[in-house]
Amino acid sequence: MAVEVTDAPGAKRYEARVDGKAEVAGVAEYIRTAELVAFVHTEVSPEYEGRGVGAALARTALDEARAANLRVLATCQFFAGWIARHPEYQDLLYQSRSRVSD
């Protein structure tokens, strides 16, 4: 099974399609700024669950964030869990730089 992931910036999401089909098998919705991309929701159609569609969405989206020098905020449970299991992407995670004064 071949999974193709593309960015659909007008819809603010990455879309996964399987084996060249037109139907969308999964999406990863995001909010992007000049410095940060927040992944807010990921959904895979039931017939494609457990077949690598979510992983393909995460890997493509995170690779593109790295290439664009963006930090990542994983508010979506799927992305947070996926990054936790793939330490090679943990350096992308956004770290708040604000400090509280005494």
PDB file of N, CA and C in Angstrom:
ATOM      1  N   MET A   1       0.842  -1.173   0.000  1.00  0.00           N
ATOM      2  CA  MET A   1       0.000   0.000   0.000  1.00  0.00           C
ATOM      3  C   MET A   1       0.888   1.238   0.000  1.00  0.00           C
ATOM      4  N   ALA A   2       0.697   2.108  -0.978  1.00  0.00           N
ATOM      5  CA  ALA A   2       1.468   3.341  -1.089  1.00  0.00           C
ATOM      6  C   ALA A   2       0.642   4.501  -0.553  1.00  0.00           C
ATOM      7  N   VAL A   3       1.218   5.255   0.388  1.00  0.00           N
ATOM      8  CA  VAL A   3       0.548   6.405   0.975  1.00  0.00           C
ATOM      9  C   VAL A   3       1.242   7.666   0.473  1.00  0.00           C
ATOM     10  N   GLU A   4       0.465   8.562  -0.114  1.00  0.00           N
ATOM     11  CA  GLU A   4       0.989   9.845  -0.580  1.00  0.00           C
ATOM     12  C   GLU A   4       0.390  10.942   0.286  1.00  0.00           C
ATOM     13  N   VAL A   5       1.270  11.782   0.838  1.00  0.00           N
ATOM     14  CA  VAL A   5       0.829  12.874   1.704  1.00  0.00           C
ATOM     15  C   VAL A   5       1.178  14.193   1.038  1.00  0.00           C
ATOM     16  N   THR A   6       0.196  15.094   0.993  1.00  0.00           N
ATOM     17  CA  THR A   6       0.418  16.427   0.423  1.00  0.00           C
ATOM     18  C   THR A   6      -0.121  17.481   1.377  1.00  0.00           C
ATOM     19  N   ASP A   7       0.517  18.642   1.324  1.00  0.00           N
ATOM     20  CA  ASP A   7       0.048  19.786   2.101  1.00  0.00           C
ATOM     21  C   ASP A   7      -1.054  20.473   1.307  1.00  0.00           C
ATOM     22  N   ALA A   8      -2.155  20.761   1.974  1.00  0.00           N
ATOM     23  CA  ALA A   8      -3.264  21.510   1.373  1.00  0.00           C
ATOM     24  C   ALA A   8      -3.401  22.800   2.177  1.00  0.00           C
ATOM     25  N   PRO A   9      -2.531  23.791   1.911  1.00  0.00           N
ATOM     26  CA  PRO A   9      -2.501  24.995   2.749  1.00  0.00           C
ATOM     27  C   PRO A   9      -3.821  25.750   2.786  1.00  0.00           C
ATOM     28  N   GLY A  10      -4.593  25.720   1.712  1.00  0.00           N
ATOM     29  CA  GLY A  10      -5.886  26.395   1.713  1.00  0.00           C
ATOM     30  C   GLY A  10      -6.844  25.800   2.731  1.00  0.00           C
ATOM     31  N   ALA A  11      -6.722  24.507   2.976  1.00  0.00           N
ATOM     32  CA  ALA A  11      -7.558  23.812   3.959  1.00  0.00           C
ATOM     33  C   ALA A  11      -6.867  23.714   5.321  1.00  0.00           C
ATOM     34  N   LYS A  12      -5.608  24.171   5.387  1.00  0.00           N
ATOM     35  CA  LYS A  12      -4.803  24.123   6.613  1.00  0.00           C
ATOM     36  C   LYS A  12      -4.688  22.695   7.143  1.00  0.00           C
ATOM     37  N   ARG A  13      -4.307  21.797   6.231  1.00  0.00           N
ATOM     38  CA  ARG A  13      -4.142  20.408   6.646  1.00  0.00           C
ATOM     39  C   ARG A  13      -3.268  19.653   5.649  1.00  0.00           C
ATOM     40  N   TYR A  14      -2.692  18.568   6.142  1.00  0.00           N
ATOM     41  CA  TYR A  14      -2.028  17.591   5.289  1.00  0.00           C
ATOM     42  C   TYR A  14      -3.058  16.525   4.972  1.00  0.00           C
ATOM     43  N   GLU A  15      -3.030  16.038   3.738  1.00  0.00           N
ATOM     44  CA  GLU A  15      -3.979  15.012   3.304  1.00  0.00           C
ATOM     45  C   GLU A  15      -3.225  13.779   2.829  1.00  0.00           C
ATOM     46  N   ALA A  16      -3.704  12.621   3.243  1.00  0.00           N
ATOM     47  CA  ALA A  16      -3.105  11.353   2.829  1.00  0.00           C
ATOM     48  C   ALA A  16      -4.071  10.639   1.890  1.00  0.00           C
ATOM     49  N   ARG A  17      -3.505  10.140   0.805  1.00  0.00           N
ATOM     50  CA  ARG A  17      -4.267   9.321  -0.143  1.00  0.00           C
ATOM     51  C   ARG A  17      -3.510   8.002  -0.323  1.00  0.00           C
ATOM     52  N   VAL A  18      -4.264   6.951  -0.595  1.00  0.00           N
ATOM     53  CA  VAL A  18      -3.685   5.612  -0.674  1.00  0.00           C
ATOM     54  C   VAL A  18      -3.797   5.070  -2.090  1.00  0.00           C
ATOM     55  N   ASP A  19      -2.688   4.530  -2.571  1.00  0.00           N
ATOM     56  CA  ASP A  19      -2.646   3.853  -3.872  1.00  0.00           C
ATOM     57  C   ASP A  19      -3.203   4.697  -5.019  1.00  0.00           C
ATOM     58  N   GLY A  20      -2.949   5.995  -4.984  1.00  0.00           N
ATOM     59  CA  GLY A  20      -3.354   6.879  -6.075  1.00  0.00           C
ATOM     60  C   GLY A  20      -4.833   7.198  -6.142  1.00  0.00           C
ATOM     61  N   LYS A  21      -5.595   6.789  -5.141  1.00  0.00           N
ATOM     62  CA  LYS A  21      -7.032   7.066  -5.138  1.00  0.00           C
ATOM     63  C   LYS A  21      -7.294   8.530  -4.836  1.00  0.00           C
ATOM     64  N   ALA A  22      -8.419   9.044  -5.315  1.00  0.00           N
ATOM     65  CA  ALA A  22      -8.780  10.445  -5.098  1.00  0.00           C
ATOM     66  C   ALA A  22      -9.281  10.696  -3.678  1.00  0.00           C
ATOM     67  N   GLU A  23      -9.873   9.684  -3.051  1.00  0.00           N
ATOM     68  CA  GLU A  23     -10.429   9.882  -1.715  1.00  0.00           C
ATOM     69  C   GLU A  23      -9.323  10.131  -0.688  1.00  0.00           C
ATOM     70  N   VAL A  24      -9.631  10.981   0.277  1.00  0.00           N
ATOM     71  CA  VAL A  24      -8.691  11.289   1.346  1.00  0.00           C
ATOM     72  C   VAL A  24      -8.815  10.218   2.419  1.00  0.00           C
ATOM     73  N   ALA A  25      -7.702   9.567   2.731  1.00  0.00           N
ATOM     74  CA  ALA A  25      -7.696   8.492   3.716  1.00  0.00           C
ATOM     75  C   ALA A  25      -7.437   9.011   5.129  1.00  0.00           C
ATOM     76  N   GLY A  26      -6.820  10.188   5.222  1.00  0.00           N
ATOM     77  CA  GLY A  26      -6.530  10.762   6.528  1.00  0.00           C
ATOM     78  C   GLY A  26      -6.086  12.200   6.389  1.00  0.00           C
ATOM     79  N   VAL A  27      -6.228  12.948   7.483  1.00  0.00           N
ATOM     80  CA  VAL A  27      -5.826  14.355   7.493  1.00  0.00           C
ATOM     81  C   VAL A  27      -5.133  14.691   8.811  1.00  0.00           C
ATOM     82  N   ALA A  28      -4.243  15.676   8.734  1.00  0.00           N
ATOM     83  CA  ALA A  28      -3.615  16.257   9.918  1.00  0.00           C
ATOM     84  C   ALA A  28      -3.816  17.766   9.806  1.00  0.00           C
ATOM     85  N   GLU A  29      -4.693  18.305  10.643  1.00  0.00           N
ATOM     86  CA  GLU A  29      -5.017  19.724  10.596  1.00  0.00           C
ATOM     87  C   GLU A  29      -3.984  20.508  11.402  1.00  0.00           C
ATOM     88  N   TYR A  30      -3.696  21.721  10.932  1.00  0.00           N
ATOM     89  CA  TYR A  30      -2.674  22.528  11.603  1.00  0.00           C
ATOM     90  C   TYR A  30      -3.027  24.008  11.587  1.00  0.00           C
ATOM     91  N   ILE A  31      -2.329  24.743  12.450  1.00  0.00           N
ATOM     92  CA  ILE A  31      -2.314  26.201  12.453  1.00  0.00           C
ATOM     93  C   ILE A  31      -0.849  26.583  12.307  1.00  0.00           C
ATOM     94  N   ARG A  32      -0.542  27.412  11.330  1.00  0.00           N
ATOM     95  CA  ARG A  32       0.860  27.745  11.047  1.00  0.00           C
ATOM     96  C   ARG A  32       1.082  29.246  11.195  1.00  0.00           C
ATOM     97  N   THR A  33       2.206  29.596  11.828  1.00  0.00           N
ATOM     98  CA  THR A  33       2.666  30.979  11.878  1.00  0.00           C
ATOM     99  C   THR A  33       4.042  31.005  11.216  1.00  0.00           C
ATOM    100  N   ALA A  34       4.685  32.150  11.243  1.00  0.00           N
ATOM    101  CA  ALA A  34       6.007  32.265  10.628  1.00  0.00           C
ATOM    102  C   ALA A  34       7.054  31.431  11.358  1.00  0.00           C
ATOM    103  N   GLU A  35       6.829  31.125  12.632  1.00  0.00           N
ATOM    104  CA  GLU A  35       7.836  30.413  13.433  1.00  0.00           C
ATOM    105  C   GLU A  35       7.383  29.051  13.944  1.00  0.00           C
ATOM    106  N   LEU A  36       6.086  28.776  13.859  1.00  0.00           N
ATOM    107  CA  LEU A  36       5.533  27.622  14.554  1.00  0.00           C
ATOM    108  C   LEU A  36       4.425  26.968  13.738  1.00  0.00           C
ATOM    109  N   VAL A  37       4.338  25.651  13.849  1.00  0.00           N
ATOM    110  CA  VAL A  37       3.174  24.938  13.315  1.00  0.00           C
ATOM    111  C   VAL A  37       2.594  24.107  14.458  1.00  0.00           C
ATOM    112  N   ALA A  38       1.302  24.296  14.696  1.00  0.00           N
ATOM    113  CA  ALA A  38       0.604  23.547  15.743  1.00  0.00           C
ATOM    114  C   ALA A  38      -0.280  22.506  15.073  1.00  0.00           C
ATOM    115  N   PHE A  39      -0.065  21.254  15.413  1.00  0.00           N
ATOM    116  CA  PHE A  39      -0.901  20.176  14.890  1.00  0.00           C
ATOM    117  C   PHE A  39      -2.043  19.969  15.879  1.00  0.00           C
ATOM    118  N   VAL A  40      -3.263  20.235  15.414  1.00  0.00           N
ATOM    119  CA  VAL A  40      -4.405  20.303  16.317  1.00  0.00           C
ATOM    120  C   VAL A  40      -5.364  19.116  16.215  1.00  0.00           C
ATOM    121  N   HIS A  41      -5.349  18.409  15.099  1.00  0.00           N
ATOM    122  CA  HIS A  41      -6.274  17.277  14.958  1.00  0.00           C
ATOM    123  C   HIS A  41      -5.784  16.369  13.832  1.00  0.00           C
ATOM    124  N   THR A  42      -5.809  15.080  14.098  1.00  0.00           N
ATOM    125  CA  THR A  42      -5.464  14.081  13.081  1.00  0.00           C
ATOM    126  C   THR A  42      -6.592  13.058  13.044  1.00  0.00           C
ATOM    127  N   GLU A  43      -6.969  12.696  11.832  1.00  0.00           N
ATOM    128  CA  GLU A  43      -8.041  11.717  11.675  1.00  0.00           C
ATOM    129  C   GLU A  43      -7.737  10.815  10.478  1.00  0.00           C
ATOM    130  N   VAL A  44      -7.889   9.523  10.689  1.00  0.00           N
ATOM    131  CA  VAL A  44      -7.704   8.534   9.627  1.00  0.00           C
ATOM    132  C   VAL A  44      -9.021   7.787   9.468  1.00  0.00           C
ATOM    133  N   SER A  45      -9.465   7.615   8.229  1.00  0.00           N
ATOM    134  CA  SER A  45     -10.697   6.871   7.964  1.00  0.00           C
ATOM    135  C   SER A  45     -10.577   5.465   8.540  1.00  0.00           C
ATOM    136  N   PRO A  46     -11.661   4.961   9.120  1.00  0.00           N
ATOM    137  CA  PRO A  46     -11.611   3.652   9.782  1.00  0.00           C
ATOM    138  C   PRO A  46     -11.017   2.529   8.923  1.00  0.00           C
ATOM    139  N   GLU A  47     -11.313   2.538   7.622  1.00  0.00           N
ATOM    140  CA  GLU A  47     -10.803   1.449   6.781  1.00  0.00           C
ATOM    141  C   GLU A  47      -9.285   1.495   6.585  1.00  0.00           C
ATOM    142  N   TYR A  48      -8.647   2.610   6.965  1.00  0.00           N
ATOM    143  CA  TYR A  48      -7.194   2.741   6.814  1.00  0.00           C
ATOM    144  C   TYR A  48      -6.456   2.765   8.145  1.00  0.00           C
ATOM    145  N   GLU A  49      -7.179   2.665   9.245  1.00  0.00           N
ATOM    146  CA  GLU A  49      -6.526   2.674  10.554  1.00  0.00           C
ATOM    147  C   GLU A  49      -5.590   1.477  10.695  1.00  0.00           C
ATOM    148  N   GLY A  50      -4.448   1.718  11.333  1.00  0.00           N
ATOM    149  CA  GLY A  50      -3.483   0.651  11.572  1.00  0.00           C
ATOM    150  C   GLY A  50      -2.700   0.237  10.345  1.00  0.00           C
ATOM    151  N   ARG A  51      -2.749   1.041   9.283  1.00  0.00           N
ATOM    152  CA  ARG A  51      -2.060   0.678   8.039  1.00  0.00           C
ATOM    153  C   ARG A  51      -0.977   1.684   7.656  1.00  0.00           C
ATOM    154  N   GLY A  52      -0.572   2.541   8.609  1.00  0.00           N
ATOM    155  CA  GLY A  52       0.541   3.451   8.367  1.00  0.00           C
ATOM    156  C   GLY A  52       0.170   4.821   7.820  1.00  0.00           C
ATOM    157  N   VAL A  53      -1.118   5.094   7.682  1.00  0.00           N
ATOM    158  CA  VAL A  53      -1.543   6.389   7.144  1.00  0.00           C
ATOM    159  C   VAL A  53      -1.208   7.510   8.126  1.00  0.00           C
ATOM    160  N   GLY A  54      -1.523   7.317   9.403  1.00  0.00           N
ATOM    161  CA  GLY A  54      -1.209   8.329  10.413  1.00  0.00           C
ATOM    162  C   GLY A  54       0.278   8.579  10.516  1.00  0.00           C
ATOM    163  N   ALA A  55       1.069   7.522  10.477  1.00  0.00           N
ATOM    164  CA  ALA A  55       2.522   7.666  10.544  1.00  0.00           C
ATOM    165  C   ALA A  55       3.045   8.441   9.336  1.00  0.00           C
ATOM    166  N   ALA A  56       2.498   8.170   8.163  1.00  0.00           N
ATOM    167  CA  ALA A  56       2.919   8.893   6.962  1.00  0.00           C
ATOM    168  C   ALA A  56       2.563  10.371   7.073  1.00  0.00           C
ATOM    169  N   LEU A  57       1.378  10.671   7.616  1.00  0.00           N
ATOM    170  CA  LEU A  57       0.994  12.067   7.829  1.00  0.00           C
ATOM    171  C   LEU A  57       1.979  12.749   8.771  1.00  0.00           C
ATOM    172  N   ALA A  58       2.264  12.112   9.901  1.00  0.00           N
ATOM    173  CA  ALA A  58       3.164  12.706  10.896  1.00  0.00           C
ATOM    174  C   ALA A  58       4.562  12.899  10.328  1.00  0.00           C
ATOM    175  N   ARG A  59       5.103  11.877   9.712  1.00  0.00           N
ATOM    176  CA  ARG A  59       6.472  11.955   9.197  1.00  0.00           C
ATOM    177  C   ARG A  59       6.606  13.059   8.136  1.00  0.00           C
ATOM    178  N   THR A  60       5.680  13.110   7.200  1.00  0.00           N
ATOM    179  CA  THR A  60       5.745  14.127   6.147  1.00  0.00           C
ATOM    180  C   THR A  60       5.611  15.524   6.726  1.00  0.00           C
ATOM    181  N   ALA A  61       4.615  15.722   7.597  1.00  0.00           N
ATOM    182  CA  ALA A  61       4.377  17.038   8.186  1.00  0.00           C
ATOM    183  C   ALA A  61       5.577  17.495   9.009  1.00  0.00           C
ATOM    184  N   LEU A  62       6.154  16.590   9.786  1.00  0.00           N
ATOM    185  CA  LEU A  62       7.296  16.958  10.620  1.00  0.00           C
ATOM    186  C   LEU A  62       8.552  17.182   9.793  1.00  0.00           C
ATOM    187  N   ASP A  63       8.754  16.392   8.757  1.00  0.00           N
ATOM    188  CA  ASP A  63       9.899  16.621   7.869  1.00  0.00           C
ATOM    189  C   ASP A  63       9.794  17.982   7.193  1.00  0.00           C
ATOM    190  N   GLU A  64       8.580  18.361   6.791  1.00  0.00           N
ATOM    191  CA  GLU A  64       8.393  19.666   6.159  1.00  0.00           C
ATOM    192  C   GLU A  64       8.560  20.793   7.174  1.00  0.00           C
ATOM    193  N   ALA A  65       8.135  20.586   8.415  1.00  0.00           N
ATOM    194  CA  ALA A  65       8.359  21.588   9.456  1.00  0.00           C
ATOM    195  C   ALA A  65       9.858  21.790   9.674  1.00  0.00           C
ATOM    196  N   ARG A  66      10.600  20.700   9.711  1.00  0.00           N
ATOM    197  CA  ARG A  66      12.056  20.791   9.884  1.00  0.00           C
ATOM    198  C   ARG A  66      12.681  21.549   8.716  1.00  0.00           C
ATOM    199  N   ALA A  67      12.275  21.228   7.500  1.00  0.00           N
ATOM    200  CA  ALA A  67      12.834  21.885   6.311  1.00  0.00           C
ATOM    201  C   ALA A  67      12.531  23.379   6.297  1.00  0.00           C
ATOM    202  N   ALA A  68      11.385  23.770   6.863  1.00  0.00           N
ATOM    203  CA  ALA A  68      10.992  25.184   6.906  1.00  0.00           C
ATOM    204  C   ALA A  68      11.491  25.879   8.174  1.00  0.00           C
ATOM    205  N   ASN A  69      12.250  25.149   8.993  1.00  0.00           N
ATOM    206  CA  ASN A  69      12.804  25.696  10.240  1.00  0.00           C
ATOM    207  C   ASN A  69      11.700  26.161  11.195  1.00  0.00           C
ATOM    208  N   LEU A  70      10.622  25.380  11.282  1.00  0.00           N
ATOM    209  CA  LEU A  70       9.502  25.700  12.166  1.00  0.00           C
ATOM    210  C   LEU A  70       9.569  24.854  13.428  1.00  0.00           C
ATOM    211  N   ARG A  71       9.166  25.431  14.532  1.00  0.00           N
ATOM    212  CA  ARG A  71       8.979  24.677  15.763  1.00  0.00           C
ATOM    213  C   ARG A  71       7.603  24.022  15.701  1.00  0.00           C
ATOM    214  N   VAL A  72       7.417  22.957  16.471  1.00  0.00           N
ATOM    215  CA  VAL A  72       6.173  22.182  16.434  1.00  0.00           C
ATOM    216  C   VAL A  72       5.514  22.193  17.807  1.00  0.00           C
ATOM    217  N   LEU A  73       4.231  22.482  17.803  1.00  0.00           N
ATOM    218  CA  LEU A  73       3.398  22.378  18.997  1.00  0.00           C
ATOM    219  C   LEU A  73       2.392  21.263  18.717  1.00  0.00           C
ATOM    220  N   ALA A  74       2.518  20.171  19.445  1.00  0.00           N
ATOM    221  CA  ALA A  74       1.673  18.994  19.191  1.00  0.00           C
ATOM    222  C   ALA A  74       0.522  18.971  20.189  1.00  0.00           C
ATOM    223  N   THR A  75      -0.539  19.715  19.891  1.00  0.00           N
ATOM    224  CA  THR A  75      -1.713  19.692  20.764  1.00  0.00           C
ATOM    225  C   THR A  75      -2.594  18.485  20.459  1.00  0.00           C
ATOM    226  N   CYS A  76      -2.433  17.920  19.303  1.00  0.00           N
ATOM    227  CA  CYS A  76      -3.144  16.706  18.909  1.00  0.00           C
ATOM    228  C   CYS A  76      -2.510  15.510  19.627  1.00  0.00           C
ATOM    229  N   GLN A  77      -3.332  14.679  20.260  1.00  0.00           N
ATOM    230  CA  GLN A  77      -2.815  13.523  20.989  1.00  0.00           C
ATOM    231  C   GLN A  77      -2.044  12.564  20.095  1.00  0.00           C
ATOM    232  N   PHE A  78      -2.501  12.392  18.851  1.00  0.00           N
ATOM    233  CA  PHE A  78      -1.794  11.482  17.954  1.00  0.00           C
ATOM    234  C   PHE A  78      -0.384  11.988  17.692  1.00  0.00           C
ATOM    235  N   PHE A  79      -0.232  13.265  17.342  1.00  0.00           N
ATOM    236  CA  PHE A  79       1.094  13.820  17.061  1.00  0.00           C
ATOM    237  C   PHE A  79       1.975  13.785  18.305  1.00  0.00           C
ATOM    238  N   ALA A  80       1.427  14.138  19.457  1.00  0.00           N
ATOM    239  CA  ALA A  80       2.212  14.120  20.691  1.00  0.00           C
ATOM    240  C   ALA A  80       2.738  12.714  20.979  1.00  0.00           C
ATOM    241  N   GLY A  81       1.877  11.728  20.840  1.00  0.00           N
ATOM    242  CA  GLY A  81       2.289  10.347  21.078  1.00  0.00           C
ATOM    243  C   GLY A  81       3.284   9.854  20.049  1.00  0.00           C
ATOM    244  N   TRP A  82       3.075  10.230  18.784  1.00  0.00           N
ATOM    245  CA  TRP A  82       3.964   9.787  17.716  1.00  0.00           C
ATOM    246  C   TRP A  82       5.357  10.366  17.923  1.00  0.00           C
ATOM    247  N   ILE A  83       5.432  11.643  18.268  1.00  0.00           N
ATOM    248  CA  ILE A  83       6.735  12.274  18.514  1.00  0.00           C
ATOM    249  C   ILE A  83       7.409  11.649  19.727  1.00  0.00           C
ATOM    250  N   ALA A  84       6.648  11.333  20.755  1.00  0.00           N
ATOM    251  CA  ALA A  84       7.216  10.698  21.949  1.00  0.00           C
ATOM    252  C   ALA A  84       7.852   9.353  21.602  1.00  0.00           C
ATOM    253  N   ARG A  85       7.303   8.645  20.620  1.00  0.00           N
ATOM    254  CA  ARG A  85       7.840   7.341  20.209  1.00  0.00           C
ATOM    255  C   ARG A  85       8.941   7.451  19.163  1.00  0.00           C
ATOM    256  N   HIS A  86       9.182   8.654  18.645  1.00  0.00           N
ATOM    257  CA  HIS A  86      10.190   8.867  17.603  1.00  0.00           C
ATOM    258  C   HIS A  86      11.117  10.008  18.028  1.00  0.00           C
ATOM    259  N   PRO A  87      12.120   9.684  18.839  1.00  0.00           N
ATOM    260  CA  PRO A  87      12.992  10.725  19.417  1.00  0.00           C
ATOM    261  C   PRO A  87      13.712  11.585  18.382  1.00  0.00           C
ATOM    262  N   GLU A  88      13.827  11.104  17.165  1.00  0.00           N
ATOM    263  CA  GLU A  88      14.503  11.893  16.135  1.00  0.00           C
ATOM    264  C   GLU A  88      13.728  13.156  15.760  1.00  0.00           C
ATOM    265  N   TYR A  89      12.489  13.275  16.237  1.00  0.00           N
ATOM    266  CA  TYR A  89      11.676  14.467  15.963  1.00  0.00           C
ATOM    267  C   TYR A  89      11.472  15.350  17.195  1.00  0.00           C
ATOM    268  N   GLN A  90      11.939  14.924  18.344  1.00  0.00           N
ATOM    269  CA  GLN A  90      11.691  15.672  19.570  1.00  0.00           C
ATOM    270  C   GLN A  90      12.380  17.032  19.602  1.00  0.00           C
ATOM    271  N   ASP A  91      13.439  17.198  18.826  1.00  0.00           N
ATOM    272  CA  ASP A  91      14.110  18.502  18.789  1.00  0.00           C
ATOM    273  C   ASP A  91      13.246  19.578  18.131  1.00  0.00           C
ATOM    274  N   LEU A  92      12.192  19.189  17.429  1.00  0.00           N
ATOM    275  CA  LEU A  92      11.304  20.153  16.780  1.00  0.00           C
ATOM    276  C   LEU A  92      10.310  20.782  17.748  1.00  0.00           C
ATOM    277  N   LEU A  93      10.105  20.156  18.905  1.00  0.00           N
ATOM    278  CA  LEU A  93       9.063  20.602  19.811  1.00  0.00           C
ATOM    279  C   LEU A  93       9.305  22.012  20.327  1.00  0.00           C
ATOM    280  N   TYR A  94       8.235  22.783  20.336  1.00  0.00           N
ATOM    281  CA  TYR A  94       8.265  24.156  20.820  1.00  0.00           C
ATOM    282  C   TYR A  94       8.516  24.168  22.321  1.00  0.00           C
ATOM    283  N   GLN A  95       9.413  25.030  22.736  1.00  0.00           N
ATOM    284  CA  GLN A  95       9.688  25.234  24.156  1.00  0.00           C
ATOM    285  C   GLN A  95       9.414  26.693  24.474  1.00  0.00           C
ATOM    286  N   SER A  96       8.547  26.939  25.419  1.00  0.00           N
ATOM    287  CA  SER A  96       8.248  28.315  25.809  1.00  0.00           C
ATOM    288  C   SER A  96       9.509  28.957  26.370  1.00  0.00           C
ATOM    289  N   ARG A  97       9.769  30.177  25.950  1.00  0.00           N
ATOM    290  CA  ARG A  97      10.966  30.887  26.401  1.00  0.00           C
ATOM    291  C   ARG A  97      10.627  31.959  27.430  1.00  0.00           C
ATOM    292  N   SER A  98       9.368  32.073  27.798  1.00  0.00           N
ATOM    293  CA  SER A  98       8.988  33.101  28.757  1.00  0.00           C
ATOM    294  C   SER A  98       9.382  32.662  30.169  1.00  0.00           C
ATOM    295  N   ARG A  99       9.700  33.649  30.978  1.00  0.00           N
ATOM    296  CA  ARG A  99      10.071  33.380  32.363  1.00  0.00           C
ATOM    297  C   ARG A  99       9.220  34.227  33.265  1.00  0.00           C
ATOM    298  N   VAL A 100       8.915  33.667  34.396  1.00  0.00           N
ATOM    299  CA  VAL A 100       8.128  34.390  35.394  1.00  0.00           C
ATOM    300  C   VAL A 100       9.086  35.124  36.330  1.00  0.00           C
ATOM    301  N   SER A 101       8.837  36.413  36.521  1.00  0.00           N
ATOM    302  CA  SER A 101       9.667  37.203  37.437  1.00  0.00           C
ATOM    303  C   SER A 101       9.195  37.013  38.870  1.00  0.00           C
ATOM    304  N   ASP A 102      10.116  37.134  39.788  1.00  0.00           N
ATOM    305  CA  ASP A 102       9.748  37.041  41.214  1.00  0.00           C
ATOM    306  C   ASP A 102       9.108  38.299  41.698  1.00  0.00           C
TER     307      ASP A 102
END
